[in-house]
């Protein structure tokens, strides 16, 4: 609530900070002004959806997400084109869709037959548990915070070097890669309890099999995205725009920025591994090296030498460095687990 109030008061200033220009600011303002109230609903929906999945109802959690997404797919064209509300309509459709999803989630927790459900007199804070939750959740939280900070730097650099077309190209690149990363993140959410349980139970071999299987699937997804980005960038751009200038800039951005994207799946799953086994510090570190520790210096230095192409080149360079560090940490950790398991006395 504090965050939303602050954002609402300083909305235009924040949008300017993120790179909105005189041309794009009215659209961004209209969208965010209608979307902000729905953020409270989204928070309830996503938080309880995670609890639903973690307490043994993964199918219901998936169905709930499909319901929300399905409503958005149906409602967005109606509000945008039929009711002629434009960008406002897109935000309103999103708010309504999230509300529908939240209702389905709440219905599950009001059902007394659910394993975990609402009940009077049980809501007492236990700080030991809260601190543990904060530690485990710190990695994805830091990733999101870092992404916001990086987006500010990226967009302001793009505005200076390429104007609104460059920002638009970055938006297409970001949307395309986010769709791929969503698949990987979904995979990680599913494997996280498996990794954590088997690690806690001492089944190290089983944990490693689950980890490497997840790495293979995640890498297959990001590799497929990498291939599409490098060899069919024009088709990706055409899915978002018919502006010839924007298509040209987007094609150039994808051909450079996607060069090392195939390794991102491995990085995300590896971060989940450390998060699952309670090593929050290492998980946070891996979350930061790609998006902060390597990327920020690259975004500052490469554009000075290469211009706009330097912005696009920052992404694969950061991915390559981060992959090397991640691989070293994962191999060291797995070997350490093997040694500890071998020294454990037989029961």
C-alpha atoms as a PDB file:
ATOM      1  CA  UNK A   1       0.000   0.000   0.000  1.00  0.00           C
ATOM      2  CA  UNK A   2       2.849   2.381   0.831  1.00  0.00           C
ATOM      3  CA  UNK A   3       4.521   1.560  -2.489  1.00  0.00           C
ATOM      4  CA  UNK A   4       1.327   2.103  -4.485  1.00  0.00           C
ATOM      5  CA  UNK A   5       0.585   5.420  -2.747  1.00  0.00           C
ATOM      6  CA  UNK A   6       4.099   6.671  -3.441  1.00  0.00           C
ATOM      7  CA  UNK A   7       3.857   5.574  -7.079  1.00  0.00           C
ATOM      8  CA  UNK A   8       0.480   7.256  -7.522  1.00  0.00           C
ATOM      9  CA  UNK A   9       1.716  10.586  -6.104  1.00  0.00           C
ATOM     10  CA  UNK A  10       4.902  10.719  -8.171  1.00  0.00           C
ATOM     11  CA  UNK A  11       3.644   8.740 -11.188  1.00  0.00           C
ATOM     12  CA  UNK A  12       4.823  11.066 -13.956  1.00  0.00           C
ATOM     13  CA  UNK A  13       8.200  11.658 -12.319  1.00  0.00           C
ATOM     14  CA  UNK A  14       8.773   7.917 -11.943  1.00  0.00           C
ATOM     15  CA  UNK A  15       7.734   7.238 -15.525  1.00  0.00           C
ATOM     16  CA  UNK A  16      10.157   9.936 -16.683  1.00  0.00           C
ATOM     17  CA  UNK A  17      12.858   8.252 -14.614  1.00  0.00           C
ATOM     18  CA  UNK A  18      12.152   4.989 -16.420  1.00  0.00           C
ATOM     19  CA  UNK A  19      12.675   6.706 -19.776  1.00  0.00           C
ATOM     20  CA  UNK A  20       9.213   7.902 -20.821  1.00  0.00           C
ATOM     21  CA  UNK A  21       9.394  10.724 -23.365  1.00  0.00           C
ATOM     22  CA  UNK A  22       6.908  13.467 -24.213  1.00  0.00           C
ATOM     23  CA  UNK A  23       5.425  11.109 -26.801  1.00  0.00           C
ATOM     24  CA  UNK A  24       5.133   7.975 -24.663  1.00  0.00           C
ATOM     25  CA  UNK A  25       4.358   9.576 -21.271  1.00  0.00           C
ATOM     26  CA  UNK A  26       0.590  10.101 -21.853  1.00  0.00           C
ATOM     27  CA  UNK A  27       0.155   6.426 -22.802  1.00  0.00           C
ATOM     28  CA  UNK A  28       2.240   5.185 -19.883  1.00  0.00           C
ATOM     29  CA  UNK A  29       0.373   7.478 -17.465  1.00  0.00           C
ATOM     30  CA  UNK A  30      -3.066   6.321 -18.639  1.00  0.00           C
ATOM     31  CA  UNK A  31      -2.083   2.665 -18.375  1.00  0.00           C
ATOM     32  CA  UNK A  32      -0.492   2.900 -14.918  1.00  0.00           C
ATOM     33  CA  UNK A  33      -3.204   5.152 -13.461  1.00  0.00           C
ATOM     34  CA  UNK A  34      -5.797   2.446 -14.098  1.00  0.00           C
ATOM     35  CA  UNK A  35      -3.495  -0.473 -13.333  1.00  0.00           C
ATOM     36  CA  UNK A  36      -2.232   0.706  -9.925  1.00  0.00           C
ATOM     37  CA  UNK A  37      -5.446  -0.058  -7.977  1.00  0.00           C
ATOM     38  CA  UNK A  38      -5.369  -3.581  -9.362  1.00  0.00           C
ATOM     39  CA  UNK A  39      -1.884  -4.160  -7.962  1.00  0.00           C
ATOM     40  CA  UNK A  40      -3.378  -4.792  -4.509  1.00  0.00           C
ATOM     41  CA  UNK A  41      -5.622  -7.449  -6.010  1.00  0.00           C
ATOM     42  CA  UNK A  42      -2.704  -8.942  -7.925  1.00  0.00           C
ATOM     43  CA  UNK A  43      -0.644  -9.171  -4.743  1.00  0.00           C
ATOM     44  CA  UNK A  44      -3.390 -11.137  -2.969  1.00  0.00           C
ATOM     45  CA  UNK A  45      -3.936 -13.401  -5.953  1.00  0.00           C
ATOM     46  CA  UNK A  46      -0.285 -14.273  -6.581  1.00  0.00           C
ATOM     47  CA  UNK A  47       0.600 -14.659  -2.898  1.00  0.00           C
ATOM     48  CA  UNK A  48      -2.264 -17.044  -2.140  1.00  0.00           C
ATOM     49  CA  UNK A  49      -1.736 -18.848  -5.445  1.00  0.00           C
ATOM     50  CA  UNK A  50       1.807 -19.695  -4.321  1.00  0.00           C
ATOM     51  CA  UNK A  51       0.472 -20.973  -1.000  1.00  0.00           C
ATOM     52  CA  UNK A  52      -2.096 -23.059  -2.848  1.00  0.00           C
ATOM     53  CA  UNK A  53       0.600 -24.665  -4.973  1.00  0.00           C
ATOM     54  CA  UNK A  54       2.927 -25.253  -2.013  1.00  0.00           C
ATOM     55  CA  UNK A  55       0.211 -26.957   0.052  1.00  0.00           C
ATOM     56  CA  UNK A  56      -0.529 -29.672  -2.471  1.00  0.00           C
ATOM     57  CA  UNK A  57      -2.847 -28.111  -5.042  1.00  0.00           C
ATOM     58  CA  UNK A  58      -0.656 -27.433  -8.085  1.00  0.00           C
ATOM     59  CA  UNK A  59      -3.437 -28.168 -10.573  1.00  0.00           C
ATOM     60  CA  UNK A  60      -5.833 -25.737  -8.926  1.00  0.00           C
ATOM     61  CA  UNK A  61      -3.080 -23.113  -8.836  1.00  0.00           C
ATOM     62  CA  UNK A  62      -2.433 -23.629 -12.546  1.00  0.00           C
ATOM     63  CA  UNK A  63      -6.144 -23.478 -13.378  1.00  0.00           C
ATOM     64  CA  UNK A  64      -6.492 -20.236 -11.425  1.00  0.00           C
ATOM     65  CA  UNK A  65      -3.685 -18.655 -13.430  1.00  0.00           C
ATOM     66  CA  UNK A  66      -5.266 -19.858 -16.677  1.00  0.00           C
ATOM     67  CA  UNK A  67      -8.590 -18.344 -15.619  1.00  0.00           C
ATOM     68  CA  UNK A  68      -7.013 -14.945 -15.023  1.00  0.00           C
ATOM     69  CA  UNK A  69      -4.978 -15.056 -18.225  1.00  0.00           C
ATOM     70  CA  UNK A  70      -7.956 -16.327 -20.241  1.00  0.00           C
ATOM     71  CA  UNK A  71     -10.166 -13.499 -18.991  1.00  0.00           C
ATOM     72  CA  UNK A  72      -7.496 -10.997 -19.981  1.00  0.00           C
ATOM     73  CA  UNK A  73      -7.215 -12.446 -23.476  1.00  0.00           C
ATOM     74  CA  UNK A  74     -10.979 -12.150 -23.943  1.00  0.00           C
ATOM     75  CA  UNK A  75     -11.547  -8.802 -22.241  1.00  0.00           C
ATOM     76  CA  UNK A  76      -8.552  -6.842 -23.554  1.00  0.00           C
ATOM     77  CA  UNK A  77      -9.721  -6.662 -27.206  1.00  0.00           C
ATOM     78  CA  UNK A  78     -13.246  -5.773 -26.054  1.00  0.00           C
ATOM     79  CA  UNK A  79     -12.120  -2.865 -23.882  1.00  0.00           C
ATOM     80  CA  UNK A  80      -9.435  -1.669 -26.302  1.00  0.00           C
ATOM     81  CA  UNK A  81     -11.272  -1.913 -29.637  1.00  0.00           C
ATOM     82  CA  UNK A  82     -15.003  -2.486 -29.083  1.00  0.00           C
ATOM     83  CA  UNK A  83     -15.366   0.042 -26.248  1.00  0.00           C
ATOM     84  CA  UNK A  84     -12.617   2.199 -27.822  1.00  0.00           C
ATOM     85  CA  UNK A  85     -10.792   2.779 -24.520  1.00  0.00           C
ATOM     86  CA  UNK A  86      -7.321   2.231 -25.951  1.00  0.00           C
ATOM     87  CA  UNK A  87      -4.498   1.807 -23.457  1.00  0.00           C
ATOM     88  CA  UNK A  88      -6.908   2.491 -20.575  1.00  0.00           C
ATOM     89  CA  UNK A  89      -8.966  -0.467 -21.707  1.00  0.00           C
ATOM     90  CA  UNK A  90      -5.950  -2.755 -21.533  1.00  0.00           C
ATOM     91  CA  UNK A  91      -5.367  -1.761 -17.904  1.00  0.00           C
ATOM     92  CA  UNK A  92      -9.038  -2.115 -16.949  1.00  0.00           C
ATOM     93  CA  UNK A  93      -9.200  -5.562 -18.570  1.00  0.00           C
ATOM     94  CA  UNK A  94      -6.130  -6.582 -16.581  1.00  0.00           C
ATOM     95  CA  UNK A  95      -7.700  -5.356 -13.315  1.00  0.00           C
ATOM     96  CA  UNK A  96     -10.910  -7.281 -13.944  1.00  0.00           C
ATOM     97  CA  UNK A  97      -9.009 -10.431 -14.896  1.00  0.00           C
ATOM     98  CA  UNK A  98      -6.909 -10.298 -11.738  1.00  0.00           C
ATOM     99  CA  UNK A  99     -10.074  -9.815  -9.669  1.00  0.00           C
ATOM    100  CA  UNK A 100     -11.622 -12.928 -11.204  1.00  0.00           C
ATOM    101  CA  UNK A 101      -8.452 -14.899 -10.469  1.00  0.00           C
ATOM    102  CA  UNK A 102      -8.381 -13.616  -6.883  1.00  0.00           C
ATOM    103  CA  UNK A 103     -11.989 -14.714  -6.310  1.00  0.00           C
ATOM    104  CA  UNK A 104     -11.148 -18.276  -7.374  1.00  0.00           C
ATOM    105  CA  UNK A 105      -8.096 -18.311  -5.076  1.00  0.00           C
ATOM    106  CA  UNK A 106     -10.060 -16.972  -2.112  1.00  0.00           C
ATOM    107  CA  UNK A 107     -12.791 -19.550  -2.690  1.00  0.00           C
ATOM    108  CA  UNK A 108     -10.161 -22.271  -2.238  1.00  0.00           C
ATOM    109  CA  UNK A 109      -8.977 -20.899   1.106  1.00  0.00           C
ATOM    110  CA  UNK A 110     -12.501 -20.334   2.429  1.00  0.00           C
ATOM    111  CA  UNK A 111     -13.216 -24.013   1.726  1.00  0.00           C
ATOM    112  CA  UNK A 112     -12.775 -25.924   4.979  1.00  0.00           C
ATOM    113  CA  UNK A 113     -11.864 -29.069   3.035  1.00  0.00           C
ATOM    114  CA  UNK A 114      -8.636 -27.433   1.808  1.00  0.00           C
ATOM    115  CA  UNK A 115      -5.475 -28.515   3.640  1.00  0.00           C
ATOM    116  CA  UNK A 116      -4.708 -24.905   4.519  1.00  0.00           C
ATOM    117  CA  UNK A 117      -7.737 -22.639   4.889  1.00  0.00           C
ATOM    118  CA  UNK A 118      -8.831 -19.482   6.663  1.00  0.00           C
ATOM    119  CA  UNK A 119      -9.711 -19.982  10.308  1.00  0.00           C
ATOM    120  CA  UNK A 120     -10.175 -17.656  13.250  1.00  0.00           C
ATOM    121  CA  UNK A 121      -7.612 -17.322  15.998  1.00  0.00           C
ATOM    122  CA  UNK A 122      -4.555 -18.758  14.231  1.00  0.00           C
ATOM    123  CA  UNK A 123      -2.895 -15.590  12.926  1.00  0.00           C
ATOM    124  CA  UNK A 124       0.063 -15.100  15.245  1.00  0.00           C
ATOM    125  CA  UNK A 125       3.409 -13.924  13.919  1.00  0.00           C
ATOM    126  CA  UNK A 126       6.414 -16.150  14.620  1.00  0.00           C
ATOM    127  CA  UNK A 127       9.533 -14.141  13.901  1.00  0.00           C
ATOM    128  CA  UNK A 128      11.775 -17.162  13.420  1.00  0.00           C
ATOM    129  CA  UNK A 129       9.547 -18.348  10.591  1.00  0.00           C
ATOM    130  CA  UNK A 130       9.149 -14.846   9.176  1.00  0.00           C
ATOM    131  CA  UNK A 131      12.921 -14.317   9.049  1.00  0.00           C
ATOM    132  CA  UNK A 132      13.328 -17.658   7.272  1.00  0.00           C
ATOM    133  CA  UNK A 133      10.661 -16.705   4.723  1.00  0.00           C
ATOM    134  CA  UNK A 134      12.340 -13.356   4.124  1.00  0.00           C
ATOM    135  CA  UNK A 135      15.697 -15.071   3.605  1.00  0.00           C
ATOM    136  CA  UNK A 136      14.293 -17.523   1.070  1.00  0.00           C
ATOM    137  CA  UNK A 137      12.289 -14.852  -0.734  1.00  0.00           C
ATOM    138  CA  UNK A 138      15.098 -12.311  -0.773  1.00  0.00           C
ATOM    139  CA  UNK A 139      16.612 -13.623  -4.014  1.00  0.00           C
ATOM    140  CA  UNK A 140      13.563 -13.145  -6.267  1.00  0.00           C
ATOM    141  CA  UNK A 141      12.795  -9.847  -4.523  1.00  0.00           C
ATOM    142  CA  UNK A 142      16.286  -8.563  -5.225  1.00  0.00           C
ATOM    143  CA  UNK A 143      15.987  -9.735  -8.822  1.00  0.00           C
ATOM    144  CA  UNK A 144      12.837  -7.657  -9.274  1.00  0.00           C
ATOM    145  CA  UNK A 145      14.360  -4.618  -7.568  1.00  0.00           C
ATOM    146  CA  UNK A 146      17.520  -4.963  -9.654  1.00  0.00           C
ATOM    147  CA  UNK A 147      15.444  -5.291 -12.823  1.00  0.00           C
ATOM    148  CA  UNK A 148      13.724  -1.997 -12.056  1.00  0.00           C
ATOM    149  CA  UNK A 149      17.039  -0.245 -11.461  1.00  0.00           C
ATOM    150  CA  UNK A 150      18.526  -1.760 -14.608  1.00  0.00           C
ATOM    151  CA  UNK A 151      15.485  -0.752 -16.666  1.00  0.00           C
ATOM    152  CA  UNK A 152      15.979   2.844 -15.595  1.00  0.00           C
ATOM    153  CA  UNK A 153      19.609   2.779 -16.731  1.00  0.00           C
ATOM    154  CA  UNK A 154      18.809   0.925 -19.952  1.00  0.00           C
ATOM    155  CA  UNK A 155      15.905   3.136 -20.975  1.00  0.00           C
ATOM    156  CA  UNK A 156      17.701   6.388 -20.242  1.00  0.00           C
ATOM    157  CA  UNK A 157      20.732   5.188 -22.211  1.00  0.00           C
ATOM    158  CA  UNK A 158      18.504   4.083 -25.088  1.00  0.00           C
ATOM    159  CA  UNK A 159      16.677   7.420 -25.164  1.00  0.00           C
ATOM    160  CA  UNK A 160      19.998   9.243 -25.418  1.00  0.00           C
ATOM    161  CA  UNK A 161      21.410   6.970 -28.128  1.00  0.00           C
ATOM    162  CA  UNK A 162      18.380   5.875 -30.156  1.00  0.00           C
ATOM    163  CA  UNK A 163      15.259   7.696 -28.988  1.00  0.00           C
ATOM    164  CA  UNK A 164      11.815   6.126 -28.727  1.00  0.00           C
ATOM    165  CA  UNK A 165      12.556   3.562 -31.444  1.00  0.00           C
ATOM    166  CA  UNK A 166      15.386   2.093 -29.375  1.00  0.00           C
ATOM    167  CA  UNK A 167      13.171   1.999 -26.278  1.00  0.00           C
ATOM    168  CA  UNK A 168      10.470   0.270 -28.319  1.00  0.00           C
ATOM    169  CA  UNK A 169      12.981  -2.302 -29.586  1.00  0.00           C
ATOM    170  CA  UNK A 170      14.116  -2.945 -26.025  1.00  0.00           C
ATOM    171  CA  UNK A 171      10.481  -3.430 -25.027  1.00  0.00           C
ATOM    172  CA  UNK A 172      10.029  -6.079 -27.722  1.00  0.00           C
ATOM    173  CA  UNK A 173      13.263  -7.806 -26.692  1.00  0.00           C
ATOM    174  CA  UNK A 174      12.215  -7.696 -23.033  1.00  0.00           C
ATOM    175  CA  UNK A 175       8.728  -9.041 -23.744  1.00  0.00           C
ATOM    176  CA  UNK A 176      10.026 -11.862 -25.923  1.00  0.00           C
ATOM    177  CA  UNK A 177      12.652 -12.966 -23.406  1.00  0.00           C
ATOM    178  CA  UNK A 178      10.190 -12.592 -20.514  1.00  0.00           C
ATOM    179  CA  UNK A 179       7.828 -15.038 -22.200  1.00  0.00           C
ATOM    180  CA  UNK A 180      10.658 -17.570 -22.377  1.00  0.00           C
ATOM    181  CA  UNK A 181      11.813 -16.888 -18.829  1.00  0.00           C
ATOM    182  CA  UNK A 182       8.261 -17.342 -17.550  1.00  0.00           C
ATOM    183  CA  UNK A 183       8.393 -20.946 -18.723  1.00  0.00           C
ATOM    184  CA  UNK A 184      11.696 -21.450 -16.922  1.00  0.00           C
ATOM    185  CA  UNK A 185      10.444 -19.736 -13.754  1.00  0.00           C
ATOM    186  CA  UNK A 186       7.361 -21.969 -13.797  1.00  0.00           C
ATOM    187  CA  UNK A 187       9.640 -24.979 -14.074  1.00  0.00           C
ATOM    188  CA  UNK A 188      11.693 -23.691 -11.132  1.00  0.00           C
ATOM    189  CA  UNK A 189       8.611 -23.180  -8.999  1.00  0.00           C
ATOM    190  CA  UNK A 190       7.649 -26.775  -9.652  1.00  0.00           C
ATOM    191  CA  UNK A 191      11.072 -28.268  -8.929  1.00  0.00           C
ATOM    192  CA  UNK A 192      11.868 -26.104  -5.903  1.00  0.00           C
ATOM    193  CA  UNK A 193      10.003 -28.257  -3.337  1.00  0.00           C
ATOM    194  CA  UNK A 194      11.497 -31.399  -4.889  1.00  0.00           C
ATOM    195  CA  UNK A 195      15.019 -30.035  -4.535  1.00  0.00           C
ATOM    196  CA  UNK A 196      14.395 -28.837  -0.995  1.00  0.00           C
ATOM    197  CA  UNK A 197      12.764 -32.054   0.191  1.00  0.00           C
ATOM    198  CA  UNK A 198      15.413 -34.372  -1.222  1.00  0.00           C
ATOM    199  CA  UNK A 199      18.236 -32.201   0.101  1.00  0.00           C
ATOM    200  CA  UNK A 200      16.698 -32.185   3.564  1.00  0.00           C
ATOM    201  CA  UNK A 201      16.096 -35.939   3.435  1.00  0.00           C
ATOM    202  CA  UNK A 202      19.695 -36.605   2.403  1.00  0.00           C
ATOM    203  CA  UNK A 203      18.763 -37.929  -1.048  1.00  0.00           C
ATOM    204  CA  UNK A 204      21.552 -36.020  -2.776  1.00  0.00           C
ATOM    205  CA  UNK A 205      21.591 -38.174  -5.916  1.00  0.00           C
ATOM    206  CA  UNK A 206      17.867 -37.692  -6.394  1.00  0.00           C
ATOM    207  CA  UNK A 207      18.219 -33.962  -5.838  1.00  0.00           C
ATOM    208  CA  UNK A 208      21.009 -33.764  -8.435  1.00  0.00           C
ATOM    209  CA  UNK A 209      18.942 -35.710 -10.971  1.00  0.00           C
ATOM    210  CA  UNK A 210      16.029 -33.306 -10.512  1.00  0.00           C
ATOM    211  CA  UNK A 211      18.381 -30.342 -10.805  1.00  0.00           C
ATOM    212  CA  UNK A 212      20.135 -31.469 -13.991  1.00  0.00           C
ATOM    213  CA  UNK A 213      16.846 -32.534 -15.600  1.00  0.00           C
ATOM    214  CA  UNK A 214      15.481 -29.060 -14.881  1.00  0.00           C
ATOM    215  CA  UNK A 215      18.650 -27.524 -16.311  1.00  0.00           C
ATOM    216  CA  UNK A 216      18.239 -29.514 -19.535  1.00  0.00           C
ATOM    217  CA  UNK A 217      14.602 -28.511 -19.977  1.00  0.00           C
ATOM    218  CA  UNK A 218      15.268 -24.854 -19.100  1.00  0.00           C
ATOM    219  CA  UNK A 219      18.260 -24.715 -21.435  1.00  0.00           C
ATOM    220  CA  UNK A 220      16.196 -26.254 -24.237  1.00  0.00           C
ATOM    221  CA  UNK A 221      13.621 -23.475 -23.798  1.00  0.00           C
ATOM    222  CA  UNK A 222      16.151 -20.639 -23.759  1.00  0.00           C
ATOM    223  CA  UNK A 223      18.148 -22.206 -26.595  1.00  0.00           C
ATOM    224  CA  UNK A 224      15.008 -22.371 -28.729  1.00  0.00           C
ATOM    225  CA  UNK A 225      14.383 -18.715 -27.939  1.00  0.00           C
ATOM    226  CA  UNK A 226      17.988 -17.901 -28.790  1.00  0.00           C
ATOM    227  CA  UNK A 227      17.681 -19.621 -32.178  1.00  0.00           C
ATOM    228  CA  UNK A 228      14.465 -17.757 -32.997  1.00  0.00           C
ATOM    229  CA  UNK A 229      15.989 -14.475 -31.890  1.00  0.00           C
ATOM    230  CA  UNK A 230      19.119 -14.911 -33.991  1.00  0.00           C
ATOM    231  CA  UNK A 231      17.650 -16.433 -37.155  1.00  0.00           C
ATOM    232  CA  UNK A 232      14.087 -15.083 -37.337  1.00  0.00           C
ATOM    233  CA  UNK A 233      14.270 -11.682 -35.588  1.00  0.00           C
ATOM    234  CA  UNK A 234      12.060 -10.017 -38.185  1.00  0.00           C
ATOM    235  CA  UNK A 235       9.183 -12.408 -37.490  1.00  0.00           C
ATOM    236  CA  UNK A 236       9.457 -11.658 -33.784  1.00  0.00           C
ATOM    237  CA  UNK A 237       9.393  -7.923 -34.461  1.00  0.00           C
ATOM    238  CA  UNK A 238       6.380  -8.291 -36.801  1.00  0.00           C
ATOM    239  CA  UNK A 239       4.445  -9.942 -33.969  1.00  0.00           C
ATOM    240  CA  UNK A 240       4.627  -6.641 -32.068  1.00  0.00           C
ATOM    241  CA  UNK A 241       4.671  -3.877 -34.687  1.00  0.00           C
ATOM    242  CA  UNK A 242       4.315  -3.028 -38.371  1.00  0.00           C
ATOM    243  CA  UNK A 243       6.484   0.100 -38.155  1.00  0.00           C
ATOM    244  CA  UNK A 244       9.391  -0.448 -40.622  1.00  0.00           C
ATOM    245  CA  UNK A 245      11.827   1.684 -38.618  1.00  0.00           C
ATOM    246  CA  UNK A 246      11.027  -0.060 -35.348  1.00  0.00           C
ATOM    247  CA  UNK A 247      11.299  -3.459 -37.040  1.00  0.00           C
ATOM    248  CA  UNK A 248      14.771  -2.580 -38.341  1.00  0.00           C
ATOM    249  CA  UNK A 249      16.007  -1.448 -34.920  1.00  0.00           C
ATOM    250  CA  UNK A 250      14.441  -4.505 -33.238  1.00  0.00           C
ATOM    251  CA  UNK A 251      16.064  -6.926 -35.683  1.00  0.00           C
ATOM    252  CA  UNK A 252      19.464  -5.415 -34.977  1.00  0.00           C
ATOM    253  CA  UNK A 253      18.884  -5.558 -31.208  1.00  0.00           C
ATOM    254  CA  UNK A 254      17.814  -9.220 -31.226  1.00  0.00           C
ATOM    255  CA  UNK A 255      20.705 -10.332 -33.418  1.00  0.00           C
ATOM    256  CA  UNK A 256      23.149  -8.977 -30.843  1.00  0.00           C
ATOM    257  CA  UNK A 257      21.400  -9.276 -27.485  1.00  0.00           C
ATOM    258  CA  UNK A 258      20.301 -12.913 -27.920  1.00  0.00           C
ATOM    259  CA  UNK A 259      23.790 -14.302 -28.580  1.00  0.00           C
ATOM    260  CA  UNK A 260      24.211 -15.870 -25.125  1.00  0.00           C
ATOM    261  CA  UNK A 261      20.573 -16.169 -24.097  1.00  0.00           C
ATOM    262  CA  UNK A 262      20.758 -19.958 -24.400  1.00  0.00           C
ATOM    263  CA  UNK A 263      22.603 -20.027 -21.036  1.00  0.00           C
ATOM    264  CA  UNK A 264      19.996 -18.062 -19.091  1.00  0.00           C
ATOM    265  CA  UNK A 265      17.936 -21.164 -18.311  1.00  0.00           C
ATOM    266  CA  UNK A 266      20.889 -22.730 -16.512  1.00  0.00           C
ATOM    267  CA  UNK A 267      21.437 -19.540 -14.509  1.00  0.00           C
ATOM    268  CA  UNK A 268      17.820 -19.336 -13.338  1.00  0.00           C
ATOM    269  CA  UNK A 269      17.633 -22.993 -12.311  1.00  0.00           C
ATOM    270  CA  UNK A 270      20.959 -22.717 -10.479  1.00  0.00           C
ATOM    271  CA  UNK A 271      19.653 -19.744  -8.502  1.00  0.00           C
ATOM    272  CA  UNK A 272      16.626 -21.860  -7.577  1.00  0.00           C
ATOM    273  CA  UNK A 273      18.905 -24.688  -6.426  1.00  0.00           C
ATOM    274  CA  UNK A 274      20.642 -22.523  -3.834  1.00  0.00           C
ATOM    275  CA  UNK A 275      17.342 -20.978  -2.815  1.00  0.00           C
ATOM    276  CA  UNK A 276      15.793 -24.435  -2.343  1.00  0.00           C
ATOM    277  CA  UNK A 277      18.540 -25.745  -0.076  1.00  0.00           C
ATOM    278  CA  UNK A 278      18.480 -22.698   2.193  1.00  0.00           C
ATOM    279  CA  UNK A 279      21.603 -20.948   0.885  1.00  0.00           C
ATOM    280  CA  UNK A 280      19.945 -17.571   0.458  1.00  0.00           C
ATOM    281  CA  UNK A 281      23.232 -15.654   0.282  1.00  0.00           C
ATOM    282  CA  UNK A 282      24.515 -17.625  -2.698  1.00  0.00           C
ATOM    283  CA  UNK A 283      21.128 -17.447  -4.378  1.00  0.00           C
ATOM    284  CA  UNK A 284      21.072 -13.675  -3.974  1.00  0.00           C
ATOM    285  CA  UNK A 285      24.643 -13.409  -5.288  1.00  0.00           C
ATOM    286  CA  UNK A 286      23.779 -15.386  -8.424  1.00  0.00           C
ATOM    287  CA  UNK A 287      20.701 -13.223  -8.887  1.00  0.00           C
ATOM    288  CA  UNK A 288      22.856 -10.111  -8.784  1.00  0.00           C
ATOM    289  CA  UNK A 289      25.831 -11.066 -10.939  1.00  0.00           C
ATOM    290  CA  UNK A 290      23.899 -11.140 -14.198  1.00  0.00           C
ATOM    291  CA  UNK A 291      21.658  -8.125 -13.709  1.00  0.00           C
ATOM    292  CA  UNK A 292      23.804  -5.885 -11.521  1.00  0.00           C
ATOM    293  CA  UNK A 293      27.430  -6.819 -10.919  1.00  0.00           C
ATOM    294  CA  UNK A 294      28.259  -7.452 -14.581  1.00  0.00           C
ATOM    295  CA  UNK A 295      25.496  -5.691 -16.500  1.00  0.00           C
ATOM    296  CA  UNK A 296      25.696  -2.214 -14.953  1.00  0.00           C
ATOM    297  CA  UNK A 297      29.424  -1.687 -15.678  1.00  0.00           C
ATOM    298  CA  UNK A 298      28.894  -3.035 -19.189  1.00  0.00           C
ATOM    299  CA  UNK A 299      25.963  -0.662 -19.788  1.00  0.00           C
ATOM    300  CA  UNK A 300      28.156   2.224 -18.701  1.00  0.00           C
ATOM    301  CA  UNK A 301      31.271   1.319 -20.719  1.00  0.00           C
ATOM    302  CA  UNK A 302      30.212  -0.488 -23.929  1.00  0.00           C
ATOM    303  CA  UNK A 303      27.845   2.206 -25.281  1.00  0.00           C
ATOM    304  CA  UNK A 304      30.682   4.728 -25.042  1.00  0.00           C
ATOM    305  CA  UNK A 305      32.742   2.589 -27.409  1.00  0.00           C
ATOM    306  CA  UNK A 306      30.007   1.055 -29.594  1.00  0.00           C
ATOM    307  CA  UNK A 307      27.068   3.448 -29.393  1.00  0.00           C
ATOM    308  CA  UNK A 308      23.608   1.857 -29.451  1.00  0.00           C
ATOM    309  CA  UNK A 309      25.070  -1.553 -30.335  1.00  0.00           C
ATOM    310  CA  UNK A 310      26.974  -1.374 -27.053  1.00  0.00           C
ATOM    311  CA  UNK A 311      23.678  -1.477 -25.141  1.00  0.00           C
ATOM    312  CA  UNK A 312      22.610  -4.623 -26.986  1.00  0.00           C
ATOM    313  CA  UNK A 313      26.077  -6.178 -26.577  1.00  0.00           C
ATOM    314  CA  UNK A 314      25.923  -5.679 -22.810  1.00  0.00           C
ATOM    315  CA  UNK A 315      23.321  -8.419 -22.450  1.00  0.00           C
ATOM    316  CA  UNK A 316      25.166 -11.397 -24.006  1.00  0.00           C
ATOM    317  CA  UNK A 317      28.458 -10.288 -22.436  1.00  0.00           C
ATOM    318  CA  UNK A 318      26.864 -10.204 -18.988  1.00  0.00           C
ATOM    319  CA  UNK A 319      25.196 -13.574 -19.632  1.00  0.00           C
ATOM    320  CA  UNK A 320      28.517 -15.136 -20.624  1.00  0.00           C
ATOM    321  CA  UNK A 321      30.361 -13.884 -17.526  1.00  0.00           C
ATOM    322  CA  UNK A 322      27.483 -14.869 -15.233  1.00  0.00           C
ATOM    323  CA  UNK A 323      27.312 -18.356 -16.729  1.00  0.00           C
ATOM    324  CA  UNK A 324      30.975 -19.024 -15.981  1.00  0.00           C
ATOM    325  CA  UNK A 325      30.611 -17.900 -12.358  1.00  0.00           C
ATOM    326  CA  UNK A 326      27.365 -19.878 -11.932  1.00  0.00           C
ATOM    327  CA  UNK A 327      28.912 -23.051 -13.343  1.00  0.00           C
ATOM    328  CA  UNK A 328      31.887 -22.817 -10.986  1.00  0.00           C
ATOM    329  CA  UNK A 329      29.639 -22.294  -7.961  1.00  0.00           C
ATOM    330  CA  UNK A 330      27.275 -25.136  -8.869  1.00  0.00           C
ATOM    331  CA  UNK A 331      30.054 -27.657  -9.490  1.00  0.00           C
ATOM    332  CA  UNK A 332      31.804 -26.678  -6.242  1.00  0.00           C
ATOM    333  CA  UNK A 333      28.561 -26.962  -4.259  1.00  0.00           C
ATOM    334  CA  UNK A 334      27.575 -30.344  -5.715  1.00  0.00           C
ATOM    335  CA  UNK A 335      31.045 -31.764  -5.069  1.00  0.00           C
ATOM    336  CA  UNK A 336      30.881 -30.470  -1.494  1.00  0.00           C
ATOM    337  CA  UNK A 337      27.534 -32.198  -1.040  1.00  0.00           C
ATOM    338  CA  UNK A 338      28.995 -35.452  -2.353  1.00  0.00           C
ATOM    339  CA  UNK A 339      31.878 -35.271   0.131  1.00  0.00           C
ATOM    340  CA  UNK A 340      29.566 -34.543   3.040  1.00  0.00           C
ATOM    341  CA  UNK A 341      27.218 -37.342   2.031  1.00  0.00           C
ATOM    342  CA  UNK A 342      30.120 -39.785   1.718  1.00  0.00           C
ATOM    343  CA  UNK A 343      31.348 -38.892   5.240  1.00  0.00           C
ATOM    344  CA  UNK A 344      27.891 -39.291   6.773  1.00  0.00           C
ATOM    345  CA  UNK A 345      27.809 -42.418   8.983  1.00  0.00           C
ATOM    346  CA  UNK A 346      25.606 -45.263   7.867  1.00  0.00           C
ATOM    347  CA  UNK A 347      22.436 -45.710   9.956  1.00  0.00           C
END
